[in-house]
Amino acid sequence: MFGRKKKLNGLNDLMAQLRPDLSRESLGVGPDFPGVAPNPFLSGDAGKRNAELRMGALALGVLVDWREVNSNPRVVLMFDVETADGLSFRGIADEVLTITELTRLTPGQTLPVRYRPAVMDHYVALARDADPARVRQLSDEIASRKRT
């Protein structure tokens, strides 16, 4: 009645239309990235993904940028991630931070993250539970690999 509507390819395209700053291109990830969920608490896939990420492999992420999604504050953090195996990729973390945590974010800051090696879909999660000694060890491994 009001003209033809373009057919959207799922919620991810809808989210990219509503928030172009959260599109695959804007986040710097490829077409295999599933996208940012409009509401991860209502998404079964997002819940499963977050549970798997909590048990994922440890890596280091250098914070590139972040985007506020809402005023919770829910943010999408963009990292350049390096793994213990020598892989590098752009990682996206969908996190709810406190105001204090949000004010401490600085581009270039290195933070421990977890990822799913079997999936490699660009999703990561902050590794808030990571043992500081293990993080230092991982940092040393990555630094020594870069020197050689």
Protein backbone atom coordinates (compact mmCIF):
# COMPACT_ATOMS: atom_id res chain seq x y z
CA MET A 1 0.00 0.00 0.00
CA PHE A 2 2.84 2.40 0.76
CA GLY A 3 5.25 0.96 -1.79
CA ARG A 4 7.50 -2.07 -1.76
CA LYS A 5 9.56 -2.71 1.33
CA LYS A 6 13.04 -4.06 0.91
CA LYS A 7 13.33 -7.52 2.33
CA LEU A 8 15.86 -7.58 5.18
CA ASN A 9 18.30 -10.43 5.66
CA GLY A 10 17.49 -11.08 9.29
CA LEU A 11 17.88 -9.04 12.44
CA ASN A 12 21.50 -8.22 11.70
CA ASP A 13 20.61 -6.19 8.63
CA LEU A 14 17.84 -4.51 10.60
CA MET A 15 20.33 -3.58 13.32
CA ALA A 16 22.75 -2.23 10.68
CA GLN A 17 19.94 -0.10 9.25
CA LEU A 18 18.94 1.23 12.65
CA ARG A 19 22.52 1.76 13.81
CA PRO A 20 24.90 2.15 10.84
CA ASP A 21 27.76 2.58 13.33
CA LEU A 22 27.22 -1.09 14.29
CA SER A 23 27.29 -2.46 10.74
CA ARG A 24 29.89 -5.06 9.73
CA GLU A 25 31.76 -2.48 7.66
CA SER A 26 31.80 0.11 10.44
CA LEU A 27 33.08 -2.42 12.97
CA GLY A 28 35.82 -3.59 10.62
CA VAL A 29 34.78 -7.24 10.38
CA GLY A 30 34.03 -9.37 7.34
CA PRO A 31 30.77 -10.75 5.99
CA ASP A 32 31.03 -13.87 8.22
CA PHE A 33 30.37 -11.77 11.34
CA PRO A 34 26.86 -12.62 12.57
CA GLY A 35 26.25 -9.05 13.74
CA VAL A 36 25.30 -7.28 16.95
CA ALA A 37 22.06 -8.56 18.48
CA PRO A 38 19.42 -5.87 19.09
CA ASN A 39 18.80 -7.40 22.54
CA PRO A 40 21.20 -10.18 23.56
CA PHE A 41 19.09 -11.04 26.62
CA LEU A 42 16.21 -12.09 24.37
CA SER A 43 18.37 -13.99 21.90
CA GLY A 44 18.96 -17.68 22.54
CA ASP A 45 21.96 -17.63 20.20
CA ALA A 46 23.53 -14.72 22.09
CA GLY A 47 23.01 -16.47 25.43
CA LYS A 48 24.63 -19.65 24.15
CA ARG A 49 27.50 -17.67 22.61
CA ASN A 50 28.15 -15.78 25.85
CA ALA A 51 28.22 -19.00 27.86
CA GLU A 52 30.72 -20.52 25.42
CA LEU A 53 32.86 -17.37 25.49
CA ARG A 54 33.11 -17.50 29.29
CA MET A 55 34.85 -20.87 28.83
CA GLY A 56 36.82 -19.82 25.73
CA ALA A 57 40.54 -19.59 25.11
CA LEU A 58 42.45 -16.65 26.53
CA ALA A 59 43.93 -14.03 24.20
CA LEU A 60 44.99 -10.39 24.37
CA GLY A 61 43.00 -7.63 22.75
CA VAL A 62 44.18 -4.11 22.00
CA LEU A 63 41.20 -1.78 22.26
CA VAL A 64 40.61 -0.01 18.95
CA ASP A 65 37.31 1.75 19.59
CA TRP A 66 33.92 1.28 21.22
CA ARG A 67 30.31 2.24 20.56
CA GLU A 68 27.58 2.74 23.12
CA VAL A 69 24.51 0.69 22.26
CA ASN A 70 22.31 1.94 25.09
CA SER A 71 22.51 3.70 28.43
CA ASN A 72 22.95 0.56 30.61
CA PRO A 73 25.78 1.20 29.45
CA ARG A 74 25.90 -1.59 26.92
CA VAL A 75 28.86 -1.12 24.62
CA VAL A 76 30.38 -2.87 21.64
CA LEU A 77 34.16 -2.95 22.07
CA MET A 78 36.41 -3.46 19.03
CA PHE A 79 39.73 -5.19 19.62
CA ASP A 80 42.70 -6.23 17.55
CA VAL A 81 43.15 -9.68 19.08
CA GLU A 82 46.30 -11.79 19.24
CA THR A 83 46.13 -15.39 20.38
CA ALA A 84 48.70 -17.70 21.91
CA ASP A 85 48.70 -19.61 18.60
CA GLY A 86 49.77 -16.55 16.63
CA LEU A 87 46.38 -15.72 15.10
CA SER A 88 45.35 -12.09 14.72
CA PHE A 89 41.81 -10.90 14.05
CA ARG A 90 39.35 -8.09 14.74
CA GLY A 91 37.29 -9.06 17.78
CA ILE A 92 33.99 -7.61 18.90
CA ALA A 93 32.84 -7.77 22.52
CA ASP A 94 29.24 -6.94 23.44
CA GLU A 95 29.47 -5.97 27.11
CA VAL A 96 27.60 -4.16 29.85
CA LEU A 97 30.06 -1.97 31.75
CA THR A 98 29.82 0.17 34.83
CA ILE A 99 30.22 3.91 34.40
CA THR A 100 33.63 3.63 36.08
CA GLU A 101 34.76 0.94 33.63
CA LEU A 102 33.46 2.98 30.72
CA THR A 103 35.40 6.09 31.76
CA ARG A 104 38.62 4.05 31.99
CA LEU A 105 38.49 2.82 28.39
CA THR A 106 41.38 4.10 26.31
CA PRO A 107 42.22 3.20 22.71
CA GLY A 108 45.46 1.20 22.66
CA GLN A 109 44.74 -0.37 26.04
CA THR A 110 45.49 -4.11 26.18
CA LEU A 111 42.90 -6.28 27.90
CA PRO A 112 42.52 -10.04 28.32
CA VAL A 113 39.70 -11.48 26.23
CA ARG A 114 38.26 -14.92 25.55
CA TYR A 115 37.36 -16.28 22.13
CA ARG A 116 36.06 -19.54 20.64
CA PRO A 117 38.85 -21.08 18.52
CA ALA A 118 36.50 -23.61 16.91
CA VAL A 119 34.08 -20.90 15.73
CA MET A 120 36.24 -17.85 14.92
CA ASP A 121 33.25 -15.57 14.31
CA HIS A 122 34.90 -12.35 15.59
CA TYR A 123 33.07 -12.50 18.92
CA VAL A 124 35.17 -12.13 22.07
CA ALA A 125 34.35 -11.40 25.69
CA LEU A 126 36.30 -9.57 28.34
CA ALA A 127 38.15 -12.12 30.47
CA ARG A 128 37.37 -10.52 33.81
CA ASP A 129 38.19 -13.79 35.59
CA ALA A 130 41.61 -14.25 33.99
CA ASP A 131 44.50 -15.04 36.31
CA PRO A 132 46.94 -12.09 36.17
CA ALA A 133 49.91 -14.49 36.11
CA ARG A 134 48.44 -16.30 33.07
CA VAL A 135 47.80 -12.95 31.34
CA ARG A 136 51.44 -11.91 31.91
CA GLN A 137 52.63 -15.27 30.58
CA LEU A 138 50.46 -14.90 27.47
CA SER A 139 51.72 -11.35 26.97
CA ASP A 140 55.33 -12.56 27.20
CA GLU A 141 54.64 -15.38 24.69
CA ILE A 142 53.14 -12.94 22.18
CA ALA A 143 55.96 -10.41 22.70
CA SER A 144 58.67 -13.04 22.23
CA ARG A 145 57.02 -14.28 19.04
CA LYS A 146 57.01 -10.72 17.65
CA ARG A 147 60.72 -10.27 18.40
CA THR A 148 61.74 -13.32 16.41
